[in-house]
Amino acid sequence: MTDFNEFLTQDARLVILRALTEQPDGRLNESLLSQVLDVYAHHRSREWIRQQLRYLADLGSVKITEVGPIMIAAITRLGVDHVERRTELEGVKRPSIGA
């Protein structure tokens, strides 16, 4: 993976975590996450989004539930801590101060 592709992937993972923290219950399905990522110019396939959710789940920053063919992500305390700059997750862009 090129450095720029890695940068884009890390940024997209942060967008996913931020989107989840903005939800009252901390959850979104892959379809809604696809729409959120599109807003931030991360136009990726559903399978790519699923790969990122699995990566984030392996880190412990999200929990994944599959309901039929749909993947639902729920943010964990670790994911919130990253978004709020209390910890750093490898492979996820660090949030800007005050963002």
C-alpha atoms as a PDB file:
ATOM      1  CA  MET A   1       0.000   0.000   0.000  1.00  0.00           C
ATOM      2  CA  THR A   2       1.354   3.416  -0.897  1.00  0.00           C
ATOM      3  CA  ASP A   3       1.882   6.025   1.769  1.00  0.00           C
ATOM      4  CA  PHE A   4      -0.982   8.124   0.414  1.00  0.00           C
ATOM      5  CA  ASN A   5      -3.344   5.143   0.299  1.00  0.00           C
ATOM      6  CA  GLU A   6      -2.392   4.333   3.892  1.00  0.00           C
ATOM      7  CA  PHE A   7      -3.072   7.959   4.869  1.00  0.00           C
ATOM      8  CA  LEU A   8      -6.519   7.784   3.228  1.00  0.00           C
ATOM      9  CA  THR A   9      -7.296   4.472   4.940  1.00  0.00           C
ATOM     10  CA  GLN A  10      -6.294   5.807   8.354  1.00  0.00           C
ATOM     11  CA  ASP A  11      -8.392   8.923   7.776  1.00  0.00           C
ATOM     12  CA  ALA A  12     -11.406   6.835   6.751  1.00  0.00           C
ATOM     13  CA  ARG A  13     -11.095   4.769   9.934  1.00  0.00           C
ATOM     14  CA  LEU A  14     -11.166   7.971  11.985  1.00  0.00           C
ATOM     15  CA  VAL A  15     -14.244   9.153  10.046  1.00  0.00           C
ATOM     16  CA  ILE A  16     -15.951   5.861  10.921  1.00  0.00           C
ATOM     17  CA  LEU A  17     -15.149   6.202  14.622  1.00  0.00           C
ATOM     18  CA  ARG A  18     -16.281   9.835  14.709  1.00  0.00           C
ATOM     19  CA  ALA A  19     -19.534   8.983  12.943  1.00  0.00           C
ATOM     20  CA  LEU A  20     -20.241   6.278  15.507  1.00  0.00           C
ATOM     21  CA  THR A  21     -19.558   8.613  18.445  1.00  0.00           C
ATOM     22  CA  GLU A  22     -22.093  11.083  17.031  1.00  0.00           C
ATOM     23  CA  GLN A  23     -24.916   8.538  17.231  1.00  0.00           C
ATOM     24  CA  PRO A  24     -27.085   8.418  20.367  1.00  0.00           C
ATOM     25  CA  ASP A  25     -26.573   4.649  20.636  1.00  0.00           C
ATOM     26  CA  GLY A  26     -23.077   4.597  19.089  1.00  0.00           C
ATOM     27  CA  ARG A  27     -24.122   2.354  16.198  1.00  0.00           C
ATOM     28  CA  LEU A  28     -24.428   2.562  12.411  1.00  0.00           C
ATOM     29  CA  ASN A  29     -24.797  -0.045   9.691  1.00  0.00           C
ATOM     30  CA  GLU A  30     -22.389  -0.383   6.791  1.00  0.00           C
ATOM     31  CA  SER A  31     -24.796   1.291   4.374  1.00  0.00           C
ATOM     32  CA  LEU A  32     -25.027   4.430   6.490  1.00  0.00           C
ATOM     33  CA  LEU A  33     -21.280   4.406   7.059  1.00  0.00           C
ATOM     34  CA  SER A  34     -20.832   4.286   3.285  1.00  0.00           C
ATOM     35  CA  GLN A  35     -22.881   7.482   2.986  1.00  0.00           C
ATOM     36  CA  VAL A  36     -20.876   9.172   5.748  1.00  0.00           C
ATOM     37  CA  LEU A  37     -17.593   8.205   4.086  1.00  0.00           C
ATOM     38  CA  ASP A  38     -18.856   9.555   0.741  1.00  0.00           C
ATOM     39  CA  VAL A  39     -19.404  12.967   2.364  1.00  0.00           C
ATOM     40  CA  TYR A  40     -15.691  12.980   3.268  1.00  0.00           C
ATOM     41  CA  ALA A  41     -14.642  11.896  -0.248  1.00  0.00           C
ATOM     42  CA  HIS A  42     -13.886   8.310   0.719  1.00  0.00           C
ATOM     43  CA  HIS A  43     -15.757   6.608  -2.124  1.00  0.00           C
ATOM     44  CA  ARG A  44     -15.144   2.951  -1.385  1.00  0.00           C
ATOM     45  CA  SER A  45     -16.865  -0.363  -1.928  1.00  0.00           C
ATOM     46  CA  ARG A  46     -19.032  -2.042   0.672  1.00  0.00           C
ATOM     47  CA  GLU A  47     -16.435  -4.817   0.999  1.00  0.00           C
ATOM     48  CA  TRP A  48     -13.687  -2.253   1.681  1.00  0.00           C
ATOM     49  CA  ILE A  49     -15.835  -0.720   4.436  1.00  0.00           C
ATOM     50  CA  ARG A  50     -16.400  -4.180   5.900  1.00  0.00           C
ATOM     51  CA  GLN A  51     -12.617  -4.760   5.909  1.00  0.00           C
ATOM     52  CA  GLN A  52     -12.111  -1.515   7.828  1.00  0.00           C
ATOM     53  CA  LEU A  53     -14.788  -2.458  10.339  1.00  0.00           C
ATOM     54  CA  ARG A  54     -13.073  -5.813  10.876  1.00  0.00           C
ATOM     55  CA  TYR A  55      -9.751  -4.015  11.357  1.00  0.00           C
ATOM     56  CA  LEU A  56     -11.315  -1.663  13.924  1.00  0.00           C
ATOM     57  CA  ALA A  57     -12.951  -4.636  15.651  1.00  0.00           C
ATOM     58  CA  ASP A  58      -9.576  -6.412  15.847  1.00  0.00           C
ATOM     59  CA  LEU A  59      -8.224  -3.313  17.621  1.00  0.00           C
ATOM     60  CA  GLY A  60     -11.162  -3.418  20.031  1.00  0.00           C
ATOM     61  CA  SER A  61     -12.492  -0.006  19.009  1.00  0.00           C
ATOM     62  CA  VAL A  62     -15.787  -1.318  17.604  1.00  0.00           C
ATOM     63  CA  LYS A  63     -17.984  -4.359  18.045  1.00  0.00           C
ATOM     64  CA  ILE A  64     -19.559  -5.884  14.965  1.00  0.00           C
ATOM     65  CA  THR A  65     -22.950  -7.525  14.715  1.00  0.00           C
ATOM     66  CA  GLU A  66     -24.196  -9.108  11.515  1.00  0.00           C
ATOM     67  CA  VAL A  67     -27.917  -9.095  10.890  1.00  0.00           C
ATOM     68  CA  GLY A  68     -28.520 -11.091   7.762  1.00  0.00           C
ATOM     69  CA  PRO A  69     -26.313  -9.559   5.065  1.00  0.00           C
ATOM     70  CA  ILE A  70     -25.820  -6.267   6.944  1.00  0.00           C
ATOM     71  CA  MET A  71     -22.891  -5.456   9.230  1.00  0.00           C
ATOM     72  CA  ILE A  72     -23.588  -3.123  12.170  1.00  0.00           C
ATOM     73  CA  ALA A  73     -20.754  -1.423  14.040  1.00  0.00           C
ATOM     74  CA  ALA A  74     -20.977  -0.193  17.628  1.00  0.00           C
ATOM     75  CA  ILE A  75     -18.246   1.954  19.122  1.00  0.00           C
ATOM     76  CA  THR A  76     -16.493   0.756  22.271  1.00  0.00           C
ATOM     77  CA  ARG A  77     -14.930   2.761  25.082  1.00  0.00           C
ATOM     78  CA  LEU A  78     -11.539   2.323  23.366  1.00  0.00           C
ATOM     79  CA  GLY A  79     -12.907   3.837  20.148  1.00  0.00           C
ATOM     80  CA  VAL A  80     -14.369   6.792  22.043  1.00  0.00           C
ATOM     81  CA  ASP A  81     -11.060   7.255  23.858  1.00  0.00           C
ATOM     82  CA  HIS A  82      -9.264   7.503  20.516  1.00  0.00           C
ATOM     83  CA  VAL A  83     -11.714  10.079  19.140  1.00  0.00           C
ATOM     84  CA  GLU A  84     -11.365  12.084  22.362  1.00  0.00           C
ATOM     85  CA  ARG A  85      -7.530  11.845  22.177  1.00  0.00           C
ATOM     86  CA  ARG A  86      -7.162   9.812  25.382  1.00  0.00           C
ATOM     87  CA  THR A  87      -5.382   6.981  23.584  1.00  0.00           C
ATOM     88  CA  GLU A  88      -3.899   6.205  20.175  1.00  0.00           C
ATOM     89  CA  LEU A  89      -4.929   3.352  17.934  1.00  0.00           C
ATOM     90  CA  GLU A  90      -2.412   2.007  15.466  1.00  0.00           C
ATOM     91  CA  GLY A  91      -3.581   2.439  11.888  1.00  0.00           C
ATOM     92  CA  VAL A  92      -6.172   5.114  12.731  1.00  0.00           C
ATOM     93  CA  LYS A  93      -5.491   8.787  12.095  1.00  0.00           C
ATOM     94  CA  ARG A  94      -5.050  10.781  15.287  1.00  0.00           C
ATOM     95  CA  PRO A  95      -7.797  13.395  15.680  1.00  0.00           C
ATOM     96  CA  SER A  96      -6.796  17.034  15.523  1.00  0.00           C
ATOM     97  CA  ILE A  97      -6.898  19.023  18.724  1.00  0.00           C
ATOM     98  CA  GLY A  98     -10.258  20.730  19.077  1.00  0.00           C
ATOM     99  CA  ALA A  99     -11.794  18.814  16.183  1.00  0.00           C
END
